């Protein structure tokens, strides 16, 4: 198993690219959620992936 620092120091840039994608996603959360609320986005995610749920219990 590779150590995490070996993965982060790869020369192909793929891991760093992934890190920057996550950082960008987090940095833009406020802007993203100004368009779509978290509950709306979460329910859309459940529907998209055909997850059965009872909305009475989703937020408890």
PDB file of N, CA and C in Angstrom:
ATOM      1  N   UNK A   1       0.837  -1.178   0.000  1.00  0.00           N
ATOM      2  CA  UNK A   1       0.000   0.000   0.000  1.00  0.00           C
ATOM      3  C   UNK A   1       0.888   1.249   0.000  1.00  0.00           C
ATOM      4  N   UNK A   2       0.544   2.199  -0.866  1.00  0.00           N
ATOM      5  CA  UNK A   2       1.338   3.422  -0.938  1.00  0.00           C
ATOM      6  C   UNK A   2       1.019   4.340   0.236  1.00  0.00           C
ATOM      7  N   UNK A   3       2.036   5.021   0.679  1.00  0.00           N
ATOM      8  CA  UNK A   3       1.819   6.054   1.683  1.00  0.00           C
ATOM      9  C   UNK A   3       1.149   7.250   1.009  1.00  0.00           C
ATOM     10  N   UNK A   4       0.368   8.039   1.763  1.00  0.00           N
ATOM     11  CA  UNK A   4      -0.334   9.181   1.182  1.00  0.00           C
ATOM     12  C   UNK A   4       0.617  10.188   0.566  1.00  0.00           C
ATOM     13  N   UNK A   5       1.806  10.382   1.167  1.00  0.00           N
ATOM     14  CA  UNK A   5       2.734  11.382   0.646  1.00  0.00           C
ATOM     15  C   UNK A   5       3.320  10.952  -0.685  1.00  0.00           C
ATOM     16  N   UNK A   6       3.422   9.646  -0.940  1.00  0.00           N
ATOM     17  CA  UNK A   6       3.901   9.172  -2.242  1.00  0.00           C
ATOM     18  C   UNK A   6       2.876   9.519  -3.305  1.00  0.00           C
ATOM     19  N   UNK A   7       1.615   9.296  -2.986  1.00  0.00           N
ATOM     20  CA  UNK A   7       0.544   9.616  -3.932  1.00  0.00           C
ATOM     21  C   UNK A   7       0.517  11.107  -4.224  1.00  0.00           C
ATOM     22  N   UNK A   8       0.670  11.944  -3.193  1.00  0.00           N
ATOM     23  CA  UNK A   8       0.625  13.388  -3.395  1.00  0.00           C
ATOM     24  C   UNK A   8       1.820  13.906  -4.186  1.00  0.00           C
ATOM     25  N   UNK A   9       2.920  13.179  -4.179  1.00  0.00           N
ATOM     26  CA  UNK A   9       4.118  13.639  -4.875  1.00  0.00           C
ATOM     27  C   UNK A   9       4.295  13.021  -6.259  1.00  0.00           C
ATOM     28  N   UNK A  10       3.233  12.429  -6.797  1.00  0.00           N
ATOM     29  CA  UNK A  10       3.327  11.883  -8.151  1.00  0.00           C
ATOM     30  C   UNK A  10       3.570  13.022  -9.135  1.00  0.00           C
ATOM     31  N   UNK A  11       4.263  12.744 -10.202  1.00  0.00           N
ATOM     32  CA  UNK A  11       4.614  13.791 -11.163  1.00  0.00           C
ATOM     33  C   UNK A  11       3.580  14.037 -12.241  1.00  0.00           C
ATOM     34  N   UNK A  12       2.543  13.190 -12.337  1.00  0.00           N
ATOM     35  CA  UNK A  12       1.579  13.373 -13.426  1.00  0.00           C
ATOM     36  C   UNK A  12       0.528  14.437 -13.110  1.00  0.00           C
ATOM     37  N   UNK A  13       0.495  14.941 -11.895  1.00  0.00           N
ATOM     38  CA  UNK A  13      -0.408  16.027 -11.535  1.00  0.00           C
ATOM     39  C   UNK A  13      -1.843  15.609 -11.279  1.00  0.00           C
ATOM     40  N   UNK A  14      -2.177  14.345 -11.467  1.00  0.00           N
ATOM     41  CA  UNK A  14      -3.573  13.933 -11.344  1.00  0.00           C
ATOM     42  C   UNK A  14      -4.098  14.111  -9.925  1.00  0.00           C
ATOM     43  N   UNK A  15      -3.294  13.797  -8.944  1.00  0.00           N
ATOM     44  CA  UNK A  15      -3.753  13.931  -7.563  1.00  0.00           C
ATOM     45  C   UNK A  15      -3.933  15.400  -7.208  1.00  0.00           C
ATOM     46  N   UNK A  16      -2.983  16.237  -7.596  1.00  0.00           N
ATOM     47  CA  UNK A  16      -3.108  17.665  -7.309  1.00  0.00           C
ATOM     48  C   UNK A  16      -4.315  18.241  -8.017  1.00  0.00           C
ATOM     49  N   UNK A  17      -4.576  17.799  -9.228  1.00  0.00           N
ATOM     50  CA  UNK A  17      -5.745  18.269  -9.955  1.00  0.00           C
ATOM     51  C   UNK A  17      -7.003  17.942  -9.169  1.00  0.00           C
ATOM     52  N   UNK A  18      -7.070  16.746  -8.614  1.00  0.00           N
ATOM     53  CA  UNK A  18      -8.218  16.352  -7.810  1.00  0.00           C
ATOM     54  C   UNK A  18      -8.365  17.198  -6.571  1.00  0.00           C
ATOM     55  N   UNK A  19      -7.237  17.523  -5.946  1.00  0.00           N
ATOM     56  CA  UNK A  19      -7.264  18.363  -4.749  1.00  0.00           C
ATOM     57  C   UNK A  19      -7.786  19.751  -5.098  1.00  0.00           C
ATOM     58  N   UNK A  20      -7.321  20.316  -6.202  1.00  0.00           N
ATOM     59  CA  UNK A  20      -7.781  21.640  -6.601  1.00  0.00           C
ATOM     60  C   UNK A  20      -9.257  21.627  -6.978  1.00  0.00           C
ATOM     61  N   UNK A  21      -9.747  20.531  -7.523  1.00  0.00           N
ATOM     62  CA  UNK A  21     -11.170  20.405  -7.830  1.00  0.00           C
ATOM     63  C   UNK A  21     -11.989  20.458  -6.550  1.00  0.00           C
ATOM     64  N   UNK A  22     -11.545  19.750  -5.531  1.00  0.00           N
ATOM     65  CA  UNK A  22     -12.254  19.742  -4.242  1.00  0.00           C
ATOM     66  C   UNK A  22     -12.204  21.125  -3.600  1.00  0.00           C
ATOM     67  N   UNK A  23     -11.042  21.766  -3.626  1.00  0.00           N
ATOM     68  CA  UNK A  23     -10.905  23.108  -3.047  1.00  0.00           C
ATOM     69  C   UNK A  23     -11.832  24.085  -3.757  1.00  0.00           C
ATOM     70  N   UNK A  24     -11.872  24.011  -5.075  1.00  0.00           N
ATOM     71  CA  UNK A  24     -12.745  24.884  -5.857  1.00  0.00           C
ATOM     72  C   UNK A  24     -14.215  24.629  -5.524  1.00  0.00           C
ATOM     73  N   UNK A  25     -14.575  23.366  -5.399  1.00  0.00           N
ATOM     74  CA  UNK A  25     -15.953  23.007  -5.054  1.00  0.00           C
ATOM     75  C   UNK A  25     -16.344  23.607  -3.703  1.00  0.00           C
ATOM     76  N   UNK A  26     -15.473  23.467  -2.727  1.00  0.00           N
ATOM     77  CA  UNK A  26     -15.761  23.992  -1.390  1.00  0.00           C
ATOM     78  C   UNK A  26     -15.832  25.518  -1.420  1.00  0.00           C
ATOM     79  N   UNK A  27     -14.906  26.144  -2.130  1.00  0.00           N
ATOM     80  CA  UNK A  27     -14.867  27.608  -2.199  1.00  0.00           C
ATOM     81  C   UNK A  27     -16.125  28.178  -2.845  1.00  0.00           C
ATOM     82  N   UNK A  28     -16.743  27.416  -3.746  1.00  0.00           N
ATOM     83  CA  UNK A  28     -17.914  27.906  -4.467  1.00  0.00           C
ATOM     84  C   UNK A  28     -19.243  27.415  -3.886  1.00  0.00           C
ATOM     85  N   UNK A  29     -19.217  26.794  -2.709  1.00  0.00           N
ATOM     86  CA  UNK A  29     -20.435  26.270  -2.098  1.00  0.00           C
ATOM     87  C   UNK A  29     -21.499  27.349  -1.911  1.00  0.00           C
ATOM     88  N   UNK A  30     -21.103  28.499  -1.403  1.00  0.00           N
ATOM     89  CA  UNK A  30     -22.077  29.556  -1.146  1.00  0.00           C
ATOM     90  C   UNK A  30     -22.769  29.974  -2.440  1.00  0.00           C
ATOM     91  N   UNK A  31     -21.982  30.186  -3.483  1.00  0.00           N
ATOM     92  CA  UNK A  31     -22.544  30.579  -4.777  1.00  0.00           C
ATOM     93  C   UNK A  31     -23.433  29.463  -5.332  1.00  0.00           C
ATOM     94  N   UNK A  32     -22.987  28.236  -5.223  1.00  0.00           N
ATOM     95  CA  UNK A  32     -23.742  27.101  -5.738  1.00  0.00           C
ATOM     96  C   UNK A  32     -25.088  26.981  -5.023  1.00  0.00           C
ATOM     97  N   UNK A  33     -25.064  27.094  -3.702  1.00  0.00           N
ATOM     98  CA  UNK A  33     -26.289  26.917  -2.928  1.00  0.00           C
ATOM     99  C   UNK A  33     -27.201  28.140  -2.962  1.00  0.00           C
ATOM    100  N   UNK A  34     -26.729  29.246  -3.509  1.00  0.00           N
ATOM    101  CA  UNK A  34     -27.625  30.385  -3.686  1.00  0.00           C
ATOM    102  C   UNK A  34     -28.594  30.109  -4.834  1.00  0.00           C
ATOM    103  N   UNK A  35     -28.235  29.173  -5.695  1.00  0.00           N
ATOM    104  CA  UNK A  35     -29.089  28.790  -6.820  1.00  0.00           C
ATOM    105  C   UNK A  35     -29.992  27.618  -6.461  1.00  0.00           C
ATOM    106  N   UNK A  36     -29.490  26.714  -5.636  1.00  0.00           N
ATOM    107  CA  UNK A  36     -30.222  25.498  -5.302  1.00  0.00           C
ATOM    108  C   UNK A  36     -29.951  25.171  -3.839  1.00  0.00           C
ATOM    109  N   UNK A  37     -31.009  24.988  -3.071  1.00  0.00           N
ATOM    110  CA  UNK A  37     -30.819  24.705  -1.650  1.00  0.00           C
ATOM    111  C   UNK A  37     -30.274  23.294  -1.461  1.00  0.00           C
ATOM    112  N   UNK A  38     -29.652  23.075  -0.306  1.00  0.00           N
ATOM    113  CA  UNK A  38     -29.137  21.737  -0.009  1.00  0.00           C
ATOM    114  C   UNK A  38     -30.250  20.695  -0.016  1.00  0.00           C
ATOM    115  N   UNK A  39     -31.401  20.962   0.634  1.00  0.00           N
ATOM    116  CA  UNK A  39     -32.464  19.945   0.590  1.00  0.00           C
ATOM    117  C   UNK A  39     -32.914  19.610  -0.832  1.00  0.00           C
ATOM    118  N   UNK A  40     -33.035  20.635  -1.684  1.00  0.00           N
ATOM    119  CA  UNK A  40     -33.421  20.378  -3.076  1.00  0.00           C
ATOM    120  C   UNK A  40     -32.367  19.548  -3.799  1.00  0.00           C
ATOM    121  N   UNK A  41     -31.104  19.896  -3.577  1.00  0.00           N
ATOM    122  CA  UNK A  41     -30.017  19.167  -4.234  1.00  0.00           C
ATOM    123  C   UNK A  41     -29.942  17.725  -3.731  1.00  0.00           C
ATOM    124  N   UNK A  42     -30.131  17.541  -2.430  1.00  0.00           N
ATOM    125  CA  UNK A  42     -30.051  16.199  -1.842  1.00  0.00           C
ATOM    126  C   UNK A  42     -31.176  15.307  -2.366  1.00  0.00           C
ATOM    127  N   UNK A  43     -32.391  15.833  -2.417  1.00  0.00           N
ATOM    128  CA  UNK A  43     -33.512  15.045  -2.932  1.00  0.00           C
ATOM    129  C   UNK A  43     -33.321  14.730  -4.415  1.00  0.00           C
ATOM    130  N   UNK A  44     -32.776  15.662  -5.163  1.00  0.00           N
ATOM    131  CA  UNK A  44     -32.491  15.405  -6.584  1.00  0.00           C
ATOM    132  C   UNK A  44     -31.456  14.289  -6.731  1.00  0.00           C
ATOM    133  N   UNK A  45     -30.461  14.279  -5.844  1.00  0.00           N
ATOM    134  CA  UNK A  45     -29.443  13.223  -5.844  1.00  0.00           C
ATOM    135  C   UNK A  45     -30.076  11.864  -5.576  1.00  0.00           C
ATOM    136  N   UNK A  46     -30.951  11.804  -4.562  1.00  0.00           N
ATOM    137  CA  UNK A  46     -31.618  10.543  -4.238  1.00  0.00           C
ATOM    138  C   UNK A  46     -32.456  10.046  -5.420  1.00  0.00           C
ATOM    139  N   UNK A  47     -33.166  10.968  -6.054  1.00  0.00           N
ATOM    140  CA  UNK A  47     -34.001  10.593  -7.203  1.00  0.00           C
ATOM    141  C   UNK A  47     -33.140  10.153  -8.382  1.00  0.00           C
ATOM    142  N   UNK A  48     -32.066  10.878  -8.629  1.00  0.00           N
ATOM    143  CA  UNK A  48     -31.182  10.552  -9.757  1.00  0.00           C
ATOM    144  C   UNK A  48     -30.646   9.128  -9.649  1.00  0.00           C
ATOM    145  N   UNK A  49     -30.302   8.712  -8.445  1.00  0.00           N
ATOM    146  CA  UNK A  49     -29.711   7.389  -8.248  1.00  0.00           C
ATOM    147  C   UNK A  49     -30.722   6.357  -7.741  1.00  0.00           C
ATOM    148  N   UNK A  50     -32.018   6.695  -7.921  1.00  0.00           N
ATOM    149  CA  UNK A  50     -33.111   5.769  -7.599  1.00  0.00           C
ATOM    150  C   UNK A  50     -33.029   5.207  -6.179  1.00  0.00           C
ATOM    151  N   UNK A  51     -32.715   6.090  -5.236  1.00  0.00           N
ATOM    152  CA  UNK A  51     -32.665   5.689  -3.835  1.00  0.00           C
ATOM    153  C   UNK A  51     -34.073   5.826  -3.258  1.00  0.00           C
ATOM    154  N   UNK A  52     -34.593   4.734  -2.728  1.00  0.00           N
ATOM    155  CA  UNK A  52     -35.901   4.781  -2.085  1.00  0.00           C
ATOM    156  C   UNK A  52     -35.784   5.522  -0.762  1.00  0.00           C
ATOM    157  N   UNK A  53     -36.708   6.418  -0.504  1.00  0.00           N
ATOM    158  CA  UNK A  53     -36.693   7.162   0.751  1.00  0.00           C
ATOM    159  C   UNK A  53     -38.112   7.588   1.094  1.00  0.00           C
ATOM    160  N   UNK A  54     -38.326   7.838   2.352  1.00  0.00           N
ATOM    161  CA  UNK A  54     -39.582   8.374   2.846  1.00  0.00           C
ATOM    162  C   UNK A  54     -39.267   9.781   3.340  1.00  0.00           C
ATOM    163  N   UNK A  55     -39.810  10.774   2.685  1.00  0.00           N
ATOM    164  CA  UNK A  55     -39.440  12.160   2.981  1.00  0.00           C
ATOM    165  C   UNK A  55     -39.757  12.551   4.436  1.00  0.00           C
ATOM    166  N   UNK A  56     -40.647  11.831   5.084  1.00  0.00           N
ATOM    167  CA  UNK A  56     -40.924  12.097   6.489  1.00  0.00           C
ATOM    168  C   UNK A  56     -39.688  11.875   7.367  1.00  0.00           C
ATOM    169  N   UNK A  57     -38.784  11.004   6.901  1.00  0.00           N
ATOM    170  CA  UNK A  57     -37.624  10.635   7.714  1.00  0.00           C
ATOM    171  C   UNK A  57     -36.294  11.165   7.188  1.00  0.00           C
ATOM    172  N   UNK A  58     -36.310  11.821   6.063  1.00  0.00           N
ATOM    173  CA  UNK A  58     -35.058  12.289   5.459  1.00  0.00           C
ATOM    174  C   UNK A  58     -34.367  13.316   6.347  1.00  0.00           C
ATOM    175  N   UNK A  59     -35.107  14.192   6.974  1.00  0.00           N
ATOM    176  CA  UNK A  59     -34.503  15.307   7.711  1.00  0.00           C
ATOM    177  C   UNK A  59     -34.494  15.123   9.216  1.00  0.00           C
ATOM    178  N   UNK A  60     -34.848  13.946   9.696  1.00  0.00           N
ATOM    179  CA  UNK A  60     -34.805  13.696  11.138  1.00  0.00           C
ATOM    180  C   UNK A  60     -33.460  13.236  11.601  1.00  0.00           C
TER     181      UNK A  60
END
